[in-house]
Structures are given as C-alpha cells and as structure tokens.
C-alpha cells in the first residue's frame, strides 16, 4: 500500500469539514480526489495510485481495513519497542479557552482521522 504523507493536517481537516457539509464540494472531491487531497500532501499522489473518497451517512459507515503488510510491519515495530506517536499529537490544546486553538485541534483531528492510514 502506498503511504501518503500529510503536510498540512489542520488544513486538511478544515477542508474535510467543509466537504462533509456541502454536496457540491463532495461532488468536486469525488471528481478529483487525487488533486484536491493532494494539495495537503508532502508530495503529489504517485502515478497509478487512486484516492477513493467514501462519504458516511446516517445508515452507512465505511472502514479501511489495513493492508496485511502494513499490519506485519507495525507489529514488528511494537515488538521492538519502536512504535510511538508523532510529537504533533502533544502540541495541540483541545481544552484551551481560545476558540481558535480548539478549532485548530479539531481540524487536526478530522484530518488525522481521515488520513491516519496514510501518514
């Protein structure tokens, strides 16, 4: 499985919040997912790789099942004690009194939730 690295998880989360609420933006994302998601990545989506957006509804939820090789690689890192979390998890302040900081943390969370399999 190709790994896509997010350069701007907060911007991605902000974008995805807009998409979730706007059918026109959902249609645009469905028509050009590599380009629209690609603007938040550290590198262009590799040739031959396709991002396929799925939109949850009140009655349907989509889950991404990890690729076997990703699970095996991660399990090896857990066994070796080499598995951790990036520092940016600890620099957000979701409980801040500042609304902008709470929004920033939430945008990060939304972007991270959607792209967690790709980071």
C-alpha atoms as a PDB file:
ATOM      1  CA  UNK A   1       0.000   0.000   0.000  1.00  0.00           C
ATOM      2  CA  UNK A   2       1.316   3.427  -0.881  1.00  0.00           C
ATOM      3  CA  UNK A   3       1.887   5.807   2.012  1.00  0.00           C
ATOM      4  CA  UNK A   4       0.633   9.343   1.545  1.00  0.00           C
ATOM      5  CA  UNK A   5       2.207  11.868   3.904  1.00  0.00           C
ATOM      6  CA  UNK A   6       0.103  14.808   5.009  1.00  0.00           C
ATOM      7  CA  UNK A   7       1.935  18.138   5.092  1.00  0.00           C
ATOM      8  CA  UNK A   8      -0.988  20.148   6.476  1.00  0.00           C
ATOM      9  CA  UNK A   9      -3.279  18.013   8.661  1.00  0.00           C
ATOM     10  CA  UNK A  10      -5.017  21.068  10.095  1.00  0.00           C
ATOM     11  CA  UNK A  11      -5.757  22.464   6.638  1.00  0.00           C
ATOM     12  CA  UNK A  12      -6.910  19.027   5.509  1.00  0.00           C
ATOM     13  CA  UNK A  13      -9.259  18.760   8.466  1.00  0.00           C
ATOM     14  CA  UNK A  14     -10.681  22.220   7.798  1.00  0.00           C
ATOM     15  CA  UNK A  15     -11.234  21.269   4.138  1.00  0.00           C
ATOM     16  CA  UNK A  16     -12.885  17.948   5.043  1.00  0.00           C
ATOM     17  CA  UNK A  17     -15.239  19.678   7.482  1.00  0.00           C
ATOM     18  CA  UNK A  18     -16.417  21.888   4.608  1.00  0.00           C
ATOM     19  CA  UNK A  19     -16.753  18.880   2.283  1.00  0.00           C
ATOM     20  CA  UNK A  20     -18.817  16.953   4.845  1.00  0.00           C
ATOM     21  CA  UNK A  21     -21.406  19.754   4.887  1.00  0.00           C
ATOM     22  CA  UNK A  22     -21.548  20.669   1.188  1.00  0.00           C
ATOM     23  CA  UNK A  23     -22.858  18.303  -1.522  1.00  0.00           C
ATOM     24  CA  UNK A  24     -21.239  20.437  -4.256  1.00  0.00           C
ATOM     25  CA  UNK A  25     -17.825  20.053  -2.621  1.00  0.00           C
ATOM     26  CA  UNK A  26     -18.483  16.317  -2.170  1.00  0.00           C
ATOM     27  CA  UNK A  27     -19.114  16.062  -5.918  1.00  0.00           C
ATOM     28  CA  UNK A  28     -15.940  18.040  -6.651  1.00  0.00           C
ATOM     29  CA  UNK A  29     -13.898  15.777  -4.358  1.00  0.00           C
ATOM     30  CA  UNK A  30     -15.380  12.666  -5.972  1.00  0.00           C
ATOM     31  CA  UNK A  31     -14.440  14.032  -9.407  1.00  0.00           C
ATOM     32  CA  UNK A  32     -10.845  14.928  -8.479  1.00  0.00           C
ATOM     33  CA  UNK A  33      -9.782  13.254  -5.232  1.00  0.00           C
ATOM     34  CA  UNK A  34      -6.078  12.976  -6.070  1.00  0.00           C
ATOM     35  CA  UNK A  35      -5.850  16.663  -6.911  1.00  0.00           C
ATOM     36  CA  UNK A  36      -7.943  18.014  -4.056  1.00  0.00           C
ATOM     37  CA  UNK A  37      -6.480  15.793  -1.336  1.00  0.00           C
ATOM     38  CA  UNK A  38      -3.064  16.050  -2.980  1.00  0.00           C
ATOM     39  CA  UNK A  39      -2.850  19.760  -2.161  1.00  0.00           C
ATOM     40  CA  UNK A  40      -2.444  18.800   1.522  1.00  0.00           C
ATOM     41  CA  UNK A  41       0.277  16.177   0.980  1.00  0.00           C
ATOM     42  CA  UNK A  42       4.055  16.489   1.117  1.00  0.00           C
ATOM     43  CA  UNK A  43       4.334  15.074  -2.428  1.00  0.00           C
ATOM     44  CA  UNK A  44       1.961  14.517  -5.333  1.00  0.00           C
ATOM     45  CA  UNK A  45      -0.089  11.338  -5.326  1.00  0.00           C
ATOM     46  CA  UNK A  46       2.064   8.806  -7.189  1.00  0.00           C
ATOM     47  CA  UNK A  47       1.095   7.883 -10.728  1.00  0.00           C
ATOM     48  CA  UNK A  48      -1.222   4.888 -10.770  1.00  0.00           C
ATOM     49  CA  UNK A  49      -2.471   5.489  -7.207  1.00  0.00           C
ATOM     50  CA  UNK A  50      -6.101   6.454  -6.745  1.00  0.00           C
ATOM     51  CA  UNK A  51      -7.664   8.047  -3.677  1.00  0.00           C
ATOM     52  CA  UNK A  52     -11.275   6.888  -3.388  1.00  0.00           C
ATOM     53  CA  UNK A  53     -13.413   9.065  -1.101  1.00  0.00           C
ATOM     54  CA  UNK A  54     -16.364   7.428   0.630  1.00  0.00           C
ATOM     55  CA  UNK A  55     -18.926   9.521   2.440  1.00  0.00           C
ATOM     56  CA  UNK A  56     -20.500   8.140   5.612  1.00  0.00           C
ATOM     57  CA  UNK A  57     -24.245   8.630   6.035  1.00  0.00           C
ATOM     58  CA  UNK A  58     -26.693   8.137   8.875  1.00  0.00           C
ATOM     59  CA  UNK A  59     -27.010   4.471   7.899  1.00  0.00           C
ATOM     60  CA  UNK A  60     -23.669   3.605   6.247  1.00  0.00           C
ATOM     61  CA  UNK A  61     -20.149   3.773   7.652  1.00  0.00           C
ATOM     62  CA  UNK A  62     -17.029   2.877   5.716  1.00  0.00           C
ATOM     63  CA  UNK A  63     -13.935   1.453   7.340  1.00  0.00           C
ATOM     64  CA  UNK A  64     -10.468   0.988   5.890  1.00  0.00           C
ATOM     65  CA  UNK A  65      -9.038  -2.418   6.676  1.00  0.00           C
ATOM     66  CA  UNK A  66      -5.238  -2.209   6.815  1.00  0.00           C
ATOM     67  CA  UNK A  67      -3.169  -3.988   4.230  1.00  0.00           C
ATOM     68  CA  UNK A  68      -1.601  -7.169   5.647  1.00  0.00           C
ATOM     69  CA  UNK A  69       1.958  -5.939   5.047  1.00  0.00           C
ATOM     70  CA  UNK A  70       1.256  -2.730   6.990  1.00  0.00           C
ATOM     71  CA  UNK A  71      -0.035  -4.724   9.945  1.00  0.00           C
ATOM     72  CA  UNK A  72       3.005  -7.026   9.893  1.00  0.00           C
ATOM     73  CA  UNK A  73       5.408  -4.072   9.726  1.00  0.00           C
ATOM     74  CA  UNK A  74       3.648  -2.256  12.563  1.00  0.00           C
ATOM     75  CA  UNK A  75       3.503  -5.377  14.720  1.00  0.00           C
ATOM     76  CA  UNK A  76       7.269  -5.736  14.330  1.00  0.00           C
ATOM     77  CA  UNK A  77       7.744  -2.126  15.489  1.00  0.00           C
ATOM     78  CA  UNK A  78       5.513  -2.747  18.529  1.00  0.00           C
ATOM     79  CA  UNK A  79       7.516  -5.862  19.478  1.00  0.00           C
ATOM     80  CA  UNK A  80      10.804  -3.957  19.099  1.00  0.00           C
ATOM     81  CA  UNK A  81       9.571  -1.009  21.171  1.00  0.00           C
ATOM     82  CA  UNK A  82       9.916   1.243  18.128  1.00  0.00           C
ATOM     83  CA  UNK A  83       6.275   2.318  17.872  1.00  0.00           C
ATOM     84  CA  UNK A  84       5.186   5.749  19.082  1.00  0.00           C
ATOM     85  CA  UNK A  85       3.175   8.813  18.258  1.00  0.00           C
ATOM     86  CA  UNK A  86       4.381  11.923  16.434  1.00  0.00           C
ATOM     87  CA  UNK A  87       5.072  14.992  18.579  1.00  0.00           C
ATOM     88  CA  UNK A  88       2.256  16.962  16.962  1.00  0.00           C
ATOM     89  CA  UNK A  89      -0.236  14.888  18.960  1.00  0.00           C
ATOM     90  CA  UNK A  90       1.070  16.557  22.081  1.00  0.00           C
ATOM     91  CA  UNK A  91       1.269  20.160  20.858  1.00  0.00           C
ATOM     92  CA  UNK A  92      -2.471  20.707  20.339  1.00  0.00           C
ATOM     93  CA  UNK A  93      -4.673  22.225  23.033  1.00  0.00           C
ATOM     94  CA  UNK A  94      -8.239  20.955  22.526  1.00  0.00           C
ATOM     95  CA  UNK A  95      -9.203  22.097  26.045  1.00  0.00           C
ATOM     96  CA  UNK A  96      -7.902  25.651  25.560  1.00  0.00           C
ATOM     97  CA  UNK A  97     -10.111  28.626  26.408  1.00  0.00           C
ATOM     98  CA  UNK A  98      -9.177  30.036  23.000  1.00  0.00           C
ATOM     99  CA  UNK A  99     -11.779  29.043  20.380  1.00  0.00           C
ATOM    100  CA  UNK A 100      -9.193  29.326  17.602  1.00  0.00           C
ATOM    101  CA  UNK A 101      -6.970  26.771  19.366  1.00  0.00           C
ATOM    102  CA  UNK A 102      -9.910  24.401  19.932  1.00  0.00           C
ATOM    103  CA  UNK A 103     -10.851  24.727  16.231  1.00  0.00           C
ATOM    104  CA  UNK A 104      -7.215  24.102  15.228  1.00  0.00           C
ATOM    105  CA  UNK A 105      -7.115  20.931  17.347  1.00  0.00           C
ATOM    106  CA  UNK A 106     -10.438  19.761  15.917  1.00  0.00           C
ATOM    107  CA  UNK A 107      -9.315  20.412  12.336  1.00  0.00           C
ATOM    108  CA  UNK A 108      -6.197  18.374  13.041  1.00  0.00           C
ATOM    109  CA  UNK A 109      -8.304  15.567  14.489  1.00  0.00           C
ATOM    110  CA  UNK A 110     -10.598  15.439  11.450  1.00  0.00           C
ATOM    111  CA  UNK A 111      -7.653  15.406   9.030  1.00  0.00           C
ATOM    112  CA  UNK A 112      -5.830  12.813  11.097  1.00  0.00           C
ATOM    113  CA  UNK A 113      -8.946  10.624  11.374  1.00  0.00           C
ATOM    114  CA  UNK A 114      -9.408  10.559   7.613  1.00  0.00           C
ATOM    115  CA  UNK A 115      -5.752  10.118   6.665  1.00  0.00           C
ATOM    116  CA  UNK A 116      -4.476   8.078   9.605  1.00  0.00           C
ATOM    117  CA  UNK A 117      -3.910   5.069   7.365  1.00  0.00           C
ATOM    118  CA  UNK A 118      -1.768   7.152   5.053  1.00  0.00           C
ATOM    119  CA  UNK A 119       0.519   9.066   7.380  1.00  0.00           C
END
